[in-house]
């Protein structure tokens, strides 16, 4: 059984390596030190991929959603393999901003405040892919945020919610993207938006303590986990 698991892991690693651009040129390695922690993480990630082999028997065919999950996991492994190659000089240091731009390019990103959008733009996220909602996605959620809000105010907020949903639809069509990502801080407004976006759009969620304090490396690491 261990031998079988090893062969399966080896094949999956080969797929991860081959997924790099074919025209990429590598340098000769220099002396260096193996990062044993990264090696251990790769091994665990590859073992996790075995689930796809078992659940897709006997054809090993994946539908679109399953393929997305599989490829996302392979990309996580690929990034870690790149880290090992960088340590030995075979590849140049990872361009964090370019990686963030690439990984976020497949999402329409929802957030709650304009200053959160500014912070993400500084992290190299395309601002056209970011939508500041300013209001929750359901009128009932507004009552949770502010139980004392008057009914007269709810009417105008309901119109804003309608505009936001139209903007979401328009931007998804404009950029030809299906996936929604919510990036919020860990507060009540953020949690409510995250929960509702997950229900309505199957959104992925990133919760951070403080968006303005997150570093590009930290943000890239979070994105790579999807």
Protein backbone atom coordinates (compact mmCIF):
# COMPACT_ATOMS: atom_id res chain seq x y z
CA UNK A 1 0.00 0.00 0.00
CA UNK A 2 2.84 2.40 0.86
CA UNK A 3 4.48 1.65 -2.49
CA UNK A 4 1.21 2.37 -4.31
CA UNK A 5 0.77 5.67 -2.43
CA UNK A 6 4.36 6.61 -3.34
CA UNK A 7 3.75 5.96 -7.06
CA UNK A 8 0.53 7.97 -7.00
CA UNK A 9 2.27 10.85 -5.25
CA UNK A 10 5.10 10.71 -7.78
CA UNK A 11 2.68 10.94 -10.72
CA UNK A 12 0.87 13.90 -9.18
CA UNK A 13 4.13 15.71 -8.60
CA UNK A 14 5.05 15.18 -12.26
CA UNK A 15 1.75 16.79 -13.26
CA UNK A 16 2.49 19.77 -11.02
CA UNK A 17 5.93 20.27 -12.53
CA UNK A 18 4.68 19.95 -16.12
CA UNK A 19 2.04 22.59 -15.50
CA UNK A 20 4.75 25.28 -15.66
CA UNK A 21 5.09 27.21 -18.92
CA UNK A 22 7.06 25.10 -21.37
CA UNK A 23 9.19 28.03 -22.55
CA UNK A 24 10.52 28.73 -19.05
CA UNK A 25 14.29 28.44 -18.86
CA UNK A 26 16.06 27.14 -15.78
CA UNK A 27 19.57 28.00 -14.58
CA UNK A 28 22.13 25.55 -13.26
CA UNK A 29 21.67 24.92 -9.53
CA UNK A 30 24.10 26.27 -6.99
CA UNK A 31 24.86 24.85 -3.56
CA UNK A 32 22.07 25.29 -1.06
CA UNK A 33 20.09 23.83 1.81
CA UNK A 34 16.93 21.75 1.42
CA UNK A 35 13.92 23.27 3.15
CA UNK A 36 12.63 20.18 4.95
CA UNK A 37 9.45 21.95 6.09
CA UNK A 38 8.44 22.75 2.50
CA UNK A 39 9.19 19.16 1.45
CA UNK A 40 6.92 17.90 4.24
CA UNK A 41 4.13 20.27 3.19
CA UNK A 42 4.38 19.10 -0.43
CA UNK A 43 4.19 15.46 0.62
CA UNK A 44 1.07 16.13 2.68
CA UNK A 45 -0.52 18.16 -0.14
CA UNK A 46 0.11 15.36 -2.63
CA UNK A 47 -1.40 12.76 -0.31
CA UNK A 48 -4.49 14.99 -0.03
CA UNK A 49 -4.83 14.80 -3.81
CA UNK A 50 -5.31 11.04 -3.58
CA UNK A 51 -8.93 11.72 -2.71
CA UNK A 52 -9.48 12.73 -6.34
CA UNK A 53 -8.11 9.38 -7.51
CA UNK A 54 -10.46 7.43 -5.28
CA UNK A 55 -13.61 9.47 -5.83
CA UNK A 56 -13.19 9.61 -9.62
CA UNK A 57 -12.82 5.86 -10.14
CA UNK A 58 -12.87 4.09 -12.54
CA UNK A 59 -12.47 6.75 -15.26
CA UNK A 60 -10.70 9.44 -13.20
CA UNK A 61 -12.77 12.03 -15.06
CA UNK A 62 -13.64 15.26 -13.25
CA UNK A 63 -16.49 17.67 -13.85
CA UNK A 64 -15.77 21.40 -14.07
CA UNK A 65 -16.11 22.08 -10.35
CA UNK A 66 -14.00 19.07 -9.40
CA UNK A 67 -11.40 20.01 -12.01
CA UNK A 68 -11.18 23.51 -10.53
CA UNK A 69 -10.59 22.10 -7.04
CA UNK A 70 -8.01 19.64 -8.35
CA UNK A 71 -6.10 22.25 -10.35
CA UNK A 72 -6.16 24.73 -7.46
CA UNK A 73 -4.52 22.12 -5.23
CA UNK A 74 -1.95 21.27 -7.90
CA UNK A 75 -1.11 24.98 -8.20
CA UNK A 76 -0.48 25.15 -4.46
CA UNK A 77 2.02 22.31 -4.86
CA UNK A 78 3.57 23.97 -7.89
CA UNK A 79 4.19 27.17 -5.95
CA UNK A 80 5.93 25.22 -3.19
CA UNK A 81 8.07 23.39 -5.76
CA UNK A 82 9.03 26.80 -7.14
CA UNK A 83 10.19 27.84 -3.66
CA UNK A 84 12.56 24.87 -3.56
CA UNK A 85 13.97 25.71 -6.99
CA UNK A 86 14.47 29.35 -6.00
CA UNK A 87 16.52 28.22 -2.99
CA UNK A 88 19.00 26.50 -5.35
CA UNK A 89 19.11 29.29 -7.93
CA UNK A 90 17.34 27.38 -10.69
CA UNK A 91 14.54 29.95 -10.79
CA UNK A 92 14.38 33.64 -10.05
CA UNK A 93 12.68 34.84 -6.88
CA UNK A 94 8.91 34.70 -7.14
CA UNK A 95 7.31 37.93 -8.36
CA UNK A 96 4.72 38.27 -5.62
CA UNK A 97 2.73 41.08 -7.23
CA UNK A 98 2.42 39.24 -10.54
CA UNK A 99 1.31 36.08 -8.74
CA UNK A 100 -1.34 38.00 -6.79
CA UNK A 101 -2.59 39.63 -9.98
CA UNK A 102 -2.82 36.24 -11.70
CA UNK A 103 -4.54 34.44 -8.82
CA UNK A 104 -7.10 37.20 -8.21
CA UNK A 105 -7.82 37.63 -11.92
CA UNK A 106 -10.30 34.76 -11.90
CA UNK A 107 -12.48 36.37 -9.19
CA UNK A 108 -14.92 39.18 -8.72
CA UNK A 109 -13.89 40.40 -5.29
CA UNK A 110 -16.47 41.79 -2.86
CA UNK A 111 -15.56 43.85 0.16
CA UNK A 112 -17.38 46.18 2.53
CA UNK A 113 -15.45 49.48 2.48
CA UNK A 114 -13.66 51.72 -0.01
CA UNK A 115 -10.46 51.79 2.06
CA UNK A 116 -10.38 47.97 1.89
CA UNK A 117 -10.39 48.29 -1.90
CA UNK A 118 -7.46 50.72 -1.71
CA UNK A 119 -5.51 48.29 0.47
CA UNK A 120 -6.08 45.42 -1.97
CA UNK A 121 -5.13 47.62 -4.92
CA UNK A 122 -1.80 48.25 -3.18
CA UNK A 123 -1.41 44.46 -3.03
CA UNK A 124 -1.57 44.42 -6.87
CA UNK A 125 -5.21 43.35 -7.17
CA UNK A 126 -6.85 44.80 -10.29
CA UNK A 127 -9.27 47.47 -8.93
CA UNK A 128 -11.73 46.69 -11.73
CA UNK A 129 -12.19 43.25 -10.17
CA UNK A 130 -13.08 44.73 -6.77
CA UNK A 131 -16.63 45.75 -5.88
CA UNK A 132 -17.35 47.67 -2.67
CA UNK A 133 -20.86 46.69 -1.61
CA UNK A 134 -21.38 49.35 1.08
CA UNK A 135 -24.57 47.53 2.04
CA UNK A 136 -25.43 43.90 2.86
CA UNK A 137 -26.81 41.63 0.12
CA UNK A 138 -30.21 41.13 1.80
CA UNK A 139 -32.37 43.75 3.48
CA UNK A 140 -32.91 41.55 6.55
CA UNK A 141 -29.16 41.60 7.13
CA UNK A 142 -29.32 45.37 7.58
CA UNK A 143 -31.56 44.85 10.59
CA UNK A 144 -28.92 42.58 12.11
CA UNK A 145 -26.25 45.22 11.62
CA UNK A 146 -28.48 48.00 12.96
CA UNK A 147 -31.60 46.75 14.79
CA UNK A 148 -32.80 50.35 15.34
CA UNK A 149 -32.75 51.41 11.72
CA UNK A 150 -36.05 53.13 10.71
CA UNK A 151 -38.25 51.63 7.99
CA UNK A 152 -37.89 54.77 5.88
CA UNK A 153 -34.15 54.20 5.66
CA UNK A 154 -34.65 50.54 4.71
CA UNK A 155 -36.40 51.52 1.50
CA UNK A 156 -33.40 53.43 0.15
CA UNK A 157 -31.03 50.68 1.28
CA UNK A 158 -33.14 48.11 -0.55
CA UNK A 159 -32.59 50.09 -3.76
CA UNK A 160 -28.84 50.15 -3.12
CA UNK A 161 -28.86 46.37 -2.61
CA UNK A 162 -30.57 45.97 -5.97
CA UNK A 163 -27.90 48.15 -7.61
CA UNK A 164 -25.11 46.12 -5.99
CA UNK A 165 -26.55 42.83 -7.24
CA UNK A 166 -26.87 44.31 -10.72
CA UNK A 167 -23.23 45.45 -10.52
CA UNK A 168 -22.16 41.95 -9.52
CA UNK A 169 -23.98 40.45 -12.48
CA UNK A 170 -22.61 43.08 -14.86
CA UNK A 171 -19.00 42.71 -13.75
CA UNK A 172 -19.14 38.91 -13.91
CA UNK A 173 -20.35 39.19 -17.50
CA UNK A 174 -17.89 41.95 -18.35
CA UNK A 175 -14.83 40.01 -17.20
CA UNK A 176 -16.27 36.59 -18.07
CA UNK A 177 -15.74 35.22 -14.57
CA UNK A 178 -17.96 33.02 -12.47
CA UNK A 179 -16.16 32.87 -9.14
CA UNK A 180 -16.73 35.37 -6.36
CA UNK A 181 -14.24 36.05 -3.58
CA UNK A 182 -15.11 37.99 -0.43
CA UNK A 183 -12.23 39.73 1.34
CA UNK A 184 -13.25 41.26 4.67
CA UNK A 185 -12.05 41.97 8.16
CA UNK A 186 -13.30 39.90 11.08
CA UNK A 187 -16.19 42.11 12.15
CA UNK A 188 -19.99 41.82 12.09
CA UNK A 189 -20.43 43.56 8.72
CA UNK A 190 -17.75 41.41 7.12
CA UNK A 191 -19.15 38.18 8.51
CA UNK A 192 -22.67 39.01 7.30
CA UNK A 193 -21.46 39.83 3.79
CA UNK A 194 -19.34 36.67 3.69
CA UNK A 195 -22.18 34.40 4.80
CA UNK A 196 -24.70 35.86 2.36
CA UNK A 197 -22.28 35.90 -0.60
CA UNK A 198 -21.52 32.26 0.09
CA UNK A 199 -25.23 31.44 -0.03
CA UNK A 200 -25.98 33.50 -3.14
CA UNK A 201 -22.83 33.04 -5.22
CA UNK A 202 -20.91 30.15 -3.64
CA UNK A 203 -18.23 32.70 -2.77
CA UNK A 204 -14.79 31.91 -1.40
CA UNK A 205 -14.03 33.80 1.80
CA UNK A 206 -10.89 35.50 3.11
CA UNK A 207 -11.13 36.93 6.62
CA UNK A 208 -8.23 38.93 8.03
CA UNK A 209 -7.67 40.87 11.22
CA UNK A 210 -6.66 44.03 9.37
CA UNK A 211 -6.56 44.37 5.59
CA UNK A 212 -4.22 47.38 5.64
CA UNK A 213 -1.67 45.48 7.72
CA UNK A 214 -1.52 42.32 5.62
CA UNK A 215 1.67 41.91 3.59
CA UNK A 216 1.82 40.84 -0.08
CA UNK A 217 3.50 37.57 0.92
CA UNK A 218 0.79 36.83 3.49
CA UNK A 219 -1.95 37.65 0.99
CA UNK A 220 -0.37 35.46 -1.66
CA UNK A 221 -0.10 32.58 0.76
CA UNK A 222 -3.82 32.86 1.61
CA UNK A 223 -4.78 33.03 -2.07
CA UNK A 224 -2.66 29.97 -2.86
CA UNK A 225 -4.69 27.88 -0.42
CA UNK A 226 -7.83 28.08 -2.58
